Amino acid sequence: MQLNHRFLILVLAFAILCVRFVYADDMDDVSPTGFNVGVGAWISPNFSGLSKSTGGTEMSLNHNLGFTTQTLIVPELSYRWAHGQILTFNYQSYNQTAITNLNVPESFQGITFAAGARAMSTTKLQWSNVNYELPVVYDHFPPHNYFLNAVAGIRFLNGSFTMSDAFGNTGTHSYFSTPLPEVGIHGRYRVHGGTDVELKLTGFRVGFVDSTTWLYDIEAGVNQKLFDLLTLTGKYRFSTFYDVDGNNNVFQYRFYGPEVDASAHF
């Protein structure tokens, strides 16, 4: 992943400007008030996907074109109010180029590739979201042992798939990039002391005449609080995206695997 260092600096600067100290007994809540600044490493998640242009062949990104997995860095910033509401922002990206000799004939954006031909393909993905959470089930404010929140937010998607032959002919498919609404649920339950389990499901599905776009994220993990100000999280995460436009251009990806997060509470 090519991480924008200016983005990280802005996130950290914003967190420092907005630091808010809270009482020590609030640290014992499963959803303490204040800011959380965190970063995660989605460790070499399994990656698969496909691409198909109008009148072209359906190609597997990993099996036909040689794309591989890579660790994704996930910065996140959130704020939690005393009455249990949460506002969260995070960002992720995937950028990889693969060069391979095709084992079967392929066609993309009017370019024909014979079996054995050399092809260079590039996949660029960027996705971020802003989520607002409203408590639905909880023990009290702020949630001390458990909560279940309804999630509503906006998902920002941007990306493209490019494929070139040995003669410099290049075809590009830029998929859906309009901000889209997403909904879901987020729950946490204290198991013992500073240990709790967590589940978060978010996604959306929209259709416009003869085009369809959907995305789903599932996260399940265990959180361990250390020294009242630091939380370590180990979780398993699944994310999938699909887009077909009015010209029958198709792009799909799927990531799934373990993630390790660390967050500081202010």
C-alpha atoms as a PDB file:
ATOM      1  CA  MET A   1       0.000   0.000   0.000  1.00  0.00           C
ATOM      2  CA  GLN A   2       1.192   3.494  -0.857  1.00  0.00           C
ATOM      3  CA  LEU A   3       0.104   5.379   2.274  1.00  0.00           C
ATOM      4  CA  ASN A   4      -0.210   9.142   2.011  1.00  0.00           C
ATOM      5  CA  HIS A   5       2.001  10.490   4.817  1.00  0.00           C
ATOM      6  CA  ARG A   6       0.279  13.886   4.705  1.00  0.00           C
ATOM      7  CA  PHE A   7      -2.983  12.101   5.470  1.00  0.00           C
ATOM      8  CA  LEU A   8      -1.512  10.488   8.585  1.00  0.00           C
ATOM      9  CA  ILE A   9      -0.037  13.812   9.725  1.00  0.00           C
ATOM     10  CA  LEU A  10      -3.435  15.500   9.354  1.00  0.00           C
ATOM     11  CA  VAL A  11      -5.137  12.739  11.347  1.00  0.00           C
ATOM     12  CA  LEU A  12      -2.580  12.937  14.153  1.00  0.00           C
ATOM     13  CA  ALA A  13      -2.656  16.745  14.206  1.00  0.00           C
ATOM     14  CA  PHE A  14      -6.438  16.709  14.443  1.00  0.00           C
ATOM     15  CA  ALA A  15      -6.285  14.197  17.294  1.00  0.00           C
ATOM     16  CA  ILE A  16      -3.741  16.303  19.206  1.00  0.00           C
ATOM     17  CA  LEU A  17      -5.812  19.469  18.798  1.00  0.00           C
ATOM     18  CA  CYS A  18      -8.920  17.674  20.026  1.00  0.00           C
ATOM     19  CA  VAL A  19      -7.429  15.773  22.985  1.00  0.00           C
ATOM     20  CA  ARG A  20      -9.970  15.447  25.750  1.00  0.00           C
ATOM     21  CA  PHE A  21      -9.092  14.061  29.185  1.00  0.00           C
ATOM     22  CA  VAL A  22     -11.801  12.163  31.053  1.00  0.00           C
ATOM     23  CA  TYR A  23     -12.220  10.717  34.560  1.00  0.00           C
ATOM     24  CA  ALA A  24     -10.448   7.460  35.361  1.00  0.00           C
ATOM     25  CA  ASP A  25     -13.645   5.547  36.130  1.00  0.00           C
ATOM     26  CA  ASP A  26     -14.857   6.271  32.584  1.00  0.00           C
ATOM     27  CA  MET A  27     -11.934   4.169  31.286  1.00  0.00           C
ATOM     28  CA  ASP A  28     -13.661   1.053  32.628  1.00  0.00           C
ATOM     29  CA  ASP A  29     -16.561   1.428  30.184  1.00  0.00           C
ATOM     30  CA  VAL A  30     -16.719  -0.673  27.007  1.00  0.00           C
ATOM     31  CA  SER A  31     -17.485   2.590  25.160  1.00  0.00           C
ATOM     32  CA  PRO A  32     -15.625   5.340  27.061  1.00  0.00           C
ATOM     33  CA  THR A  33     -16.170   8.988  26.140  1.00  0.00           C
ATOM     34  CA  GLY A  34     -13.442  10.900  24.326  1.00  0.00           C
ATOM     35  CA  PHE A  35     -11.240  10.398  21.267  1.00  0.00           C
ATOM     36  CA  ASN A  36      -9.750   7.134  20.032  1.00  0.00           C
ATOM     37  CA  VAL A  37      -6.836   7.295  17.590  1.00  0.00           C
ATOM     38  CA  GLY A  38      -5.855   3.940  16.153  1.00  0.00           C
ATOM     39  CA  VAL A  39      -4.085   2.109  13.378  1.00  0.00           C
ATOM     40  CA  GLY A  40      -4.609  -1.427  12.148  1.00  0.00           C
ATOM     41  CA  ALA A  41      -2.703  -3.901  10.001  1.00  0.00           C
ATOM     42  CA  TRP A  42      -4.890  -6.176   7.878  1.00  0.00           C
ATOM     43  CA  ILE A  43      -2.248  -8.881   7.614  1.00  0.00           C
ATOM     44  CA  SER A  44      -1.932 -10.260   4.062  1.00  0.00           C
ATOM     45  CA  PRO A  45      -5.666 -10.911   3.655  1.00  0.00           C
ATOM     46  CA  ASN A  46      -6.700 -13.458   1.054  1.00  0.00           C
ATOM     47  CA  PHE A  47      -7.503 -11.529  -2.116  1.00  0.00           C
ATOM     48  CA  SER A  48      -9.652 -12.464  -5.091  1.00  0.00           C
ATOM     49  CA  GLY A  49     -11.502 -10.518  -7.743  1.00  0.00           C
ATOM     50  CA  LEU A  50     -12.670 -10.369 -11.329  1.00  0.00           C
ATOM     51  CA  SER A  51     -12.897  -7.842 -14.121  1.00  0.00           C
ATOM     52  CA  LYS A  52     -14.965  -7.878 -17.311  1.00  0.00           C
ATOM     53  CA  SER A  53     -15.443  -5.152 -19.920  1.00  0.00           C
ATOM     54  CA  THR A  54     -18.268  -4.745 -22.431  1.00  0.00           C
ATOM     55  CA  GLY A  55     -18.023  -7.674 -24.838  1.00  0.00           C
ATOM     56  CA  GLY A  56     -14.858  -8.902 -23.129  1.00  0.00           C
ATOM     57  CA  THR A  57     -13.976 -12.022 -21.192  1.00  0.00           C
ATOM     58  CA  GLU A  58     -14.350 -12.473 -17.445  1.00  0.00           C
ATOM     59  CA  MET A  59     -10.882 -12.519 -15.849  1.00  0.00           C
ATOM     60  CA  SER A  60      -9.870 -13.614 -12.363  1.00  0.00           C
ATOM     61  CA  LEU A  61      -7.481 -11.032 -10.901  1.00  0.00           C
ATOM     62  CA  ASN A  62      -5.545 -13.583  -8.868  1.00  0.00           C
ATOM     63  CA  HIS A  63      -5.764 -16.759 -10.995  1.00  0.00           C
ATOM     64  CA  ASN A  64      -5.529 -15.292 -14.530  1.00  0.00           C
ATOM     65  CA  LEU A  65      -3.656 -12.035 -13.986  1.00  0.00           C
ATOM     66  CA  GLY A  66      -1.326 -12.844 -11.089  1.00  0.00           C
ATOM     67  CA  PHE A  67      -2.444 -10.372  -8.412  1.00  0.00           C
ATOM     68  CA  THR A  68      -1.313 -11.304  -4.902  1.00  0.00           C
ATOM     69  CA  THR A  69      -2.150 -10.286  -1.362  1.00  0.00           C
ATOM     70  CA  GLN A  70      -0.510  -7.480   0.603  1.00  0.00           C
ATOM     71  CA  THR A  71      -0.841  -6.103   4.133  1.00  0.00           C
ATOM     72  CA  LEU A  72      -3.214  -3.128   4.300  1.00  0.00           C
ATOM     73  CA  ILE A  73      -2.737  -0.309   6.820  1.00  0.00           C
ATOM     74  CA  VAL A  74      -5.981   1.017   8.328  1.00  0.00           C
ATOM     75  CA  PRO A  75      -5.841   4.371  10.229  1.00  0.00           C
ATOM     76  CA  GLU A  76      -8.970   5.222  12.230  1.00  0.00           C
ATOM     77  CA  LEU A  77     -10.218   8.167  14.300  1.00  0.00           C
ATOM     78  CA  SER A  78     -13.369   8.107  16.434  1.00  0.00           C
ATOM     79  CA  TYR A  79     -15.145  10.159  19.076  1.00  0.00           C
ATOM     80  CA  ARG A  80     -17.549   8.753  21.674  1.00  0.00           C
ATOM     81  CA  TRP A  81     -20.074  10.850  23.560  1.00  0.00           C
ATOM     82  CA  ALA A  82     -21.083  10.107  27.161  1.00  0.00           C
ATOM     83  CA  HIS A  83     -24.555   9.041  26.019  1.00  0.00           C
ATOM     84  CA  GLY A  84     -23.066   6.294  23.831  1.00  0.00           C
ATOM     85  CA  GLN A  85     -23.042   7.835  20.354  1.00  0.00           C
ATOM     86  CA  ILE A  86     -19.925   7.231  18.222  1.00  0.00           C
ATOM     87  CA  LEU A  87     -18.549   9.044  15.167  1.00  0.00           C
ATOM     88  CA  THR A  88     -15.851   7.137  13.234  1.00  0.00           C
ATOM     89  CA  PHE A  89     -13.637   7.843  10.226  1.00  0.00           C
ATOM     90  CA  ASN A  90     -11.238   5.368   8.577  1.00  0.00           C
ATOM     91  CA  TYR A  91      -9.333   4.924   5.321  1.00  0.00           C
ATOM     92  CA  GLN A  92      -7.866   2.013   3.342  1.00  0.00           C
ATOM     93  CA  SER A  93      -6.262   1.490  -0.055  1.00  0.00           C
ATOM     94  CA  TYR A  94      -4.903  -1.272  -2.274  1.00  0.00           C
ATOM     95  CA  ASN A  95      -2.583  -0.538  -5.205  1.00  0.00           C
ATOM     96  CA  GLN A  96      -0.835  -3.319  -7.095  1.00  0.00           C
ATOM     97  CA  THR A  97       0.552  -4.025 -10.569  1.00  0.00           C
ATOM     98  CA  ALA A  98       0.931  -7.555 -11.930  1.00  0.00           C
ATOM     99  CA  ILE A  99       2.767  -8.729 -15.061  1.00  0.00           C
ATOM    100  CA  THR A 100       1.960 -12.195 -16.323  1.00  0.00           C
ATOM    101  CA  ASN A 101       1.805 -14.408 -19.397  1.00  0.00           C
ATOM    102  CA  LEU A 102      -1.857 -15.243 -19.918  1.00  0.00           C
ATOM    103  CA  ASN A 103      -2.715 -18.943 -19.905  1.00  0.00           C
ATOM    104  CA  VAL A 104      -5.942 -18.433 -21.923  1.00  0.00           C
ATOM    105  CA  PRO A 105      -7.060 -15.852 -24.514  1.00  0.00           C
ATOM    106  CA  GLU A 106      -8.520 -12.686 -22.960  1.00  0.00           C
ATOM    107  CA  SER A 107     -10.261  -9.542 -24.194  1.00  0.00           C
ATOM    108  CA  PHE A 108     -10.570  -6.223 -22.343  1.00  0.00           C
ATOM    109  CA  GLN A 109     -11.878  -2.847 -23.587  1.00  0.00           C
ATOM    110  CA  GLY A 110     -11.507  -3.921 -27.222  1.00  0.00           C
ATOM    111  CA  ILE A 111      -7.934  -5.234 -26.765  1.00  0.00           C
ATOM    112  CA  THR A 112      -7.435  -8.924 -27.565  1.00  0.00           C
ATOM    113  CA  PHE A 113      -4.757 -10.937 -25.761  1.00  0.00           C
ATOM    114  CA  ALA A 114      -3.736 -14.310 -27.195  1.00  0.00           C
ATOM    115  CA  ALA A 115      -2.920 -17.257 -24.945  1.00  0.00           C
ATOM    116  CA  GLY A 116       0.683 -16.855 -23.773  1.00  0.00           C
ATOM    117  CA  ALA A 117       0.693 -13.085 -24.415  1.00  0.00           C
ATOM    118  CA  ARG A 118       2.327 -10.836 -21.850  1.00  0.00           C
ATOM    119  CA  ALA A 119      -0.062  -8.491 -20.028  1.00  0.00           C
ATOM    120  CA  MET A 120       0.426  -5.806 -17.398  1.00  0.00           C
ATOM    121  CA  SER A 121      -2.515  -5.058 -15.119  1.00  0.00           C
ATOM    122  CA  THR A 122      -2.974  -2.482 -12.364  1.00  0.00           C
ATOM    123  CA  THR A 123      -5.682  -2.433  -9.702  1.00  0.00           C
ATOM    124  CA  LYS A 124      -6.180   0.715  -7.603  1.00  0.00           C
ATOM    125  CA  LEU A 125      -8.682   0.755  -4.749  1.00  0.00           C
ATOM    126  CA  GLN A 126      -9.383   3.471  -2.202  1.00  0.00           C
ATOM    127  CA  TRP A 127     -12.226   3.362   0.248  1.00  0.00           C
ATOM    128  CA  SER A 128     -13.062   5.400   3.323  1.00  0.00           C
ATOM    129  CA  ASN A 129     -16.152   5.904   5.416  1.00  0.00           C
ATOM    130  CA  VAL A 130     -17.689   8.183   8.005  1.00  0.00           C
ATOM    131  CA  ASN A 131     -20.051   6.360  10.363  1.00  0.00           C
ATOM    132  CA  TYR A 132     -22.391   7.607  13.061  1.00  0.00           C
ATOM    133  CA  GLU A 133     -23.612   5.157  15.698  1.00  0.00           C
ATOM    134  CA  LEU A 134     -26.714   5.504  17.886  1.00  0.00           C
ATOM    135  CA  PRO A 135     -27.225   3.177  20.900  1.00  0.00           C
ATOM    136  CA  VAL A 136     -30.152   0.761  20.616  1.00  0.00           C
ATOM    137  CA  VAL A 137     -29.395  -1.701  23.452  1.00  0.00           C
ATOM    138  CA  TYR A 138     -27.129  -0.863  26.415  1.00  0.00           C
ATOM    139  CA  ASP A 139     -26.858  -1.234  30.203  1.00  0.00           C
ATOM    140  CA  HIS A 140     -26.485   2.503  30.997  1.00  0.00           C
ATOM    141  CA  PHE A 141     -24.774   5.682  29.764  1.00  0.00           C
ATOM    142  CA  PRO A 142     -21.946   5.437  29.003  1.00  0.00           C
ATOM    143  CA  PRO A 143     -22.203   1.702  28.176  1.00  0.00           C
ATOM    144  CA  HIS A 144     -20.324  -0.205  30.865  1.00  0.00           C
ATOM    145  CA  ASN A 145     -20.657  -3.919  30.038  1.00  0.00           C
ATOM    146  CA  TYR A 146     -22.351  -4.072  26.630  1.00  0.00           C
ATOM    147  CA  PHE A 147     -23.957  -2.110  23.829  1.00  0.00           C
ATOM    148  CA  LEU A 148     -25.599  -2.649  20.454  1.00  0.00           C
ATOM    149  CA  ASN A 149     -25.582   0.368  18.139  1.00  0.00           C
ATOM    150  CA  ALA A 150     -27.343   1.123  14.873  1.00  0.00           C
ATOM    151  CA  VAL A 151     -24.852   2.407  12.274  1.00  0.00           C
ATOM    152  CA  ALA A 152     -25.495   4.899   9.467  1.00  0.00           C
ATOM    153  CA  GLY A 153     -22.832   6.524   7.341  1.00  0.00           C
ATOM    154  CA  ILE A 154     -21.339   7.438   3.998  1.00  0.00           C
ATOM    155  CA  ARG A 155     -18.917   5.241   2.044  1.00  0.00           C
ATOM    156  CA  PHE A 156     -16.464   6.849  -0.383  1.00  0.00           C
ATOM    157  CA  LEU A 157     -15.193   4.570  -3.145  1.00  0.00           C
ATOM    158  CA  ASN A 158     -12.667   5.267  -5.848  1.00  0.00           C
ATOM    159  CA  GLY A 159     -10.599   3.007  -8.051  1.00  0.00           C
ATOM    160  CA  SER A 160      -9.747   1.645 -11.446  1.00  0.00           C
ATOM    161  CA  PHE A 161      -8.545  -1.431 -13.298  1.00  0.00           C
ATOM    162  CA  THR A 162      -6.060  -1.020 -16.183  1.00  0.00           C
ATOM    163  CA  MET A 163      -4.716  -3.657 -18.567  1.00  0.00           C
ATOM    164  CA  SER A 164      -2.005  -3.194 -21.239  1.00  0.00           C
ATOM    165  CA  ASP A 165      -0.518  -5.466 -23.893  1.00  0.00           C
ATOM    166  CA  ALA A 166       3.100  -5.692 -25.068  1.00  0.00           C
ATOM    167  CA  PHE A 167       2.456  -3.065 -27.781  1.00  0.00           C
ATOM    168  CA  GLY A 168       1.335  -0.329 -25.390  1.00  0.00           C
ATOM    169  CA  ASN A 169      -2.402  -0.651 -26.035  1.00  0.00           C
ATOM    170  CA  THR A 170      -4.205   0.120 -22.764  1.00  0.00           C
ATOM    171  CA  GLY A 171      -7.764  -0.297 -21.554  1.00  0.00           C
ATOM    172  CA  THR A 172      -9.127   1.206 -18.313  1.00  0.00           C
ATOM    173  CA  HIS A 173     -12.293   0.663 -16.297  1.00  0.00           C
ATOM    174  CA  SER A 174     -12.983   3.233 -13.571  1.00  0.00           C
ATOM    175  CA  TYR A 175     -15.765   1.935 -11.361  1.00  0.00           C
ATOM    176  CA  PHE A 176     -18.370   3.597  -9.155  1.00  0.00           C
ATOM    177  CA  SER A 177     -16.893   6.584  -7.278  1.00  0.00           C
ATOM    178  CA  THR A 178     -19.968   8.427  -5.970  1.00  0.00           C
ATOM    179  CA  PRO A 179     -20.356   8.599  -2.148  1.00  0.00           C
ATOM    180  CA  LEU A 180     -22.992   6.077  -1.092  1.00  0.00           C
ATOM    181  CA  PRO A 181     -24.983   5.568   2.119  1.00  0.00           C
ATOM    182  CA  GLU A 182     -24.309   2.513   4.280  1.00  0.00           C
ATOM    183  CA  VAL A 183     -26.037   1.011   7.299  1.00  0.00           C
ATOM    184  CA  GLY A 184     -25.268  -1.704   9.829  1.00  0.00           C
ATOM    185  CA  ILE A 185     -24.924  -2.738  13.461  1.00  0.00           C
ATOM    186  CA  HIS A 186     -22.046  -2.626  15.956  1.00  0.00           C
ATOM    187  CA  GLY A 187     -22.024  -4.532  19.235  1.00  0.00           C
ATOM    188  CA  ARG A 188     -19.600  -5.073  22.108  1.00  0.00           C
ATOM    189  CA  TYR A 189     -19.845  -7.271  25.205  1.00  0.00           C
ATOM    190  CA  ARG A 190     -17.483  -7.385  28.198  1.00  0.00           C
ATOM    191  CA  VAL A 191     -16.222 -10.888  28.940  1.00  0.00           C
ATOM    192  CA  HIS A 192     -13.989 -10.152  31.931  1.00  0.00           C
ATOM    193  CA  GLY A 193     -12.159  -7.110  33.305  1.00  0.00           C
ATOM    194  CA  GLY A 194     -10.623  -5.239  30.367  1.00  0.00           C
ATOM    195  CA  THR A 195     -11.498  -7.941  27.821  1.00  0.00           C
ATOM    196  CA  ASP A 196     -14.503  -7.721  25.526  1.00  0.00           C
ATOM    197  CA  VAL A 197     -15.717  -9.224  22.252  1.00  0.00           C
ATOM    198  CA  GLU A 198     -16.928  -7.138  19.333  1.00  0.00           C
ATOM    199  CA  LEU A 199     -18.956  -7.582  16.132  1.00  0.00           C
ATOM    200  CA  LYS A 200     -19.559  -5.010  13.380  1.00  0.00           C
ATOM    201  CA  LEU A 201     -21.575  -5.456  10.174  1.00  0.00           C
ATOM    202  CA  THR A 202     -21.911  -2.650   7.604  1.00  0.00           C
ATOM    203  CA  GLY A 203     -22.749  -2.388   3.939  1.00  0.00           C
ATOM    204  CA  PHE A 204     -24.955  -1.076   1.163  1.00  0.00           C
ATOM    205  CA  ARG A 205     -26.637  -2.186  -2.042  1.00  0.00           C
ATOM    206  CA  VAL A 206     -27.896   0.238  -4.707  1.00  0.00           C
ATOM    207  CA  GLY A 207     -29.221  -0.187  -8.236  1.00  0.00           C
ATOM    208  CA  PHE A 208     -29.869   2.296 -11.033  1.00  0.00           C
ATOM    209  CA  VAL A 209     -31.829   0.864 -14.002  1.00  0.00           C
ATOM    210  CA  ASP A 210     -29.317  -1.668 -15.411  1.00  0.00           C
ATOM    211  CA  SER A 211     -26.401  -1.034 -12.995  1.00  0.00           C
ATOM    212  CA  THR A 212     -25.788  -2.450  -9.514  1.00  0.00           C
ATOM    213  CA  THR A 213     -23.245  -1.726  -6.786  1.00  0.00           C
ATOM    214  CA  TRP A 214     -22.890  -3.406  -3.406  1.00  0.00           C
ATOM    215  CA  LEU A 215     -20.344  -3.662  -0.610  1.00  0.00           C
ATOM    216  CA  TYR A 216     -20.350  -5.574   2.693  1.00  0.00           C
ATOM    217  CA  ASP A 217     -17.908  -5.536   5.626  1.00  0.00           C
ATOM    218  CA  ILE A 218     -17.911  -8.001   8.539  1.00  0.00           C
ATOM    219  CA  GLU A 219     -15.573  -7.717  11.555  1.00  0.00           C
ATOM    220  CA  ALA A 220     -15.432  -9.995  14.614  1.00  0.00           C
ATOM    221  CA  GLY A 221     -12.735  -9.758  17.277  1.00  0.00           C
ATOM    222  CA  VAL A 222     -11.472  -9.508  20.850  1.00  0.00           C
ATOM    223  CA  ASN A 223     -10.322  -6.275  22.545  1.00  0.00           C
ATOM    224  CA  GLN A 224      -7.851  -6.110  25.444  1.00  0.00           C
ATOM    225  CA  LYS A 225      -7.479  -2.842  27.358  1.00  0.00           C
ATOM    226  CA  LEU A 226      -4.005  -2.038  28.724  1.00  0.00           C
ATOM    227  CA  PHE A 227      -3.023   0.758  31.128  1.00  0.00           C
ATOM    228  CA  ASP A 228      -6.470   2.400  30.722  1.00  0.00           C
ATOM    229  CA  LEU A 229      -5.282   4.395  27.687  1.00  0.00           C
ATOM    230  CA  LEU A 230      -4.335   1.661  25.206  1.00  0.00           C
ATOM    231  CA  THR A 231      -6.443  -1.066  23.590  1.00  0.00           C
ATOM    232  CA  LEU A 232      -5.151  -3.965  21.481  1.00  0.00           C
ATOM    233  CA  THR A 233      -7.530  -5.768  19.132  1.00  0.00           C
ATOM    234  CA  GLY A 234      -7.278  -9.038  17.262  1.00  0.00           C
ATOM    235  CA  LYS A 235     -10.051  -9.694  14.754  1.00  0.00           C
ATOM    236  CA  TYR A 236     -11.072 -11.470  11.584  1.00  0.00           C
ATOM    237  CA  ARG A 237     -12.391  -9.344   8.769  1.00  0.00           C
ATOM    238  CA  PHE A 238     -14.252  -9.968   5.494  1.00  0.00           C
ATOM    239  CA  SER A 239     -14.935  -7.315   2.836  1.00  0.00           C
ATOM    240  CA  THR A 240     -16.452  -7.682  -0.624  1.00  0.00           C
ATOM    241  CA  PHE A 241     -17.400  -5.220  -3.378  1.00  0.00           C
ATOM    242  CA  TYR A 242     -19.246  -5.659  -6.689  1.00  0.00           C
ATOM    243  CA  ASP A 243     -20.061  -3.154  -9.431  1.00  0.00           C
ATOM    244  CA  VAL A 244     -21.683  -3.588 -12.857  1.00  0.00           C
ATOM    245  CA  ASP A 245     -22.483  -0.477 -14.917  1.00  0.00           C
ATOM    246  CA  GLY A 246     -24.971   0.184 -17.693  1.00  0.00           C
ATOM    247  CA  ASN A 247     -22.457  -0.979 -20.325  1.00  0.00           C
ATOM    248  CA  ASN A 248     -21.973  -4.325 -18.564  1.00  0.00           C
ATOM    249  CA  ASN A 249     -18.480  -3.491 -17.294  1.00  0.00           C
ATOM    250  CA  VAL A 250     -17.978  -5.624 -14.179  1.00  0.00           C
ATOM    251  CA  PHE A 251     -15.497  -5.310 -11.317  1.00  0.00           C
ATOM    252  CA  GLN A 252     -15.470  -7.311  -8.088  1.00  0.00           C
ATOM    253  CA  TYR A 253     -13.048  -7.880  -5.220  1.00  0.00           C
ATOM    254  CA  ARG A 254     -12.985  -9.832  -1.967  1.00  0.00           C
ATOM    255  CA  PHE A 255     -10.586  -9.570   0.999  1.00  0.00           C
ATOM    256  CA  TYR A 256     -10.655 -11.748   4.104  1.00  0.00           C
ATOM    257  CA  GLY A 257      -8.163 -12.479   6.868  1.00  0.00           C
ATOM    258  CA  PRO A 258      -6.837 -11.470  10.320  1.00  0.00           C
ATOM    259  CA  GLU A 259      -6.281  -7.880  11.436  1.00  0.00           C
ATOM    260  CA  VAL A 260      -4.384  -6.486  14.425  1.00  0.00           C
ATOM    261  CA  ASP A 261      -5.257  -3.004  15.752  1.00  0.00           C
ATOM    262  CA  ALA A 262      -3.867  -0.675  18.427  1.00  0.00           C
ATOM    263  CA  SER A 263      -5.709   2.416  19.629  1.00  0.00           C
ATOM    264  CA  ALA A 264      -5.070   5.134  22.191  1.00  0.00           C
ATOM    265  CA  HIS A 265      -7.862   6.782  24.161  1.00  0.00           C
ATOM    266  CA  PHE A 266      -7.841  10.465  25.152  1.00  0.00           C
END
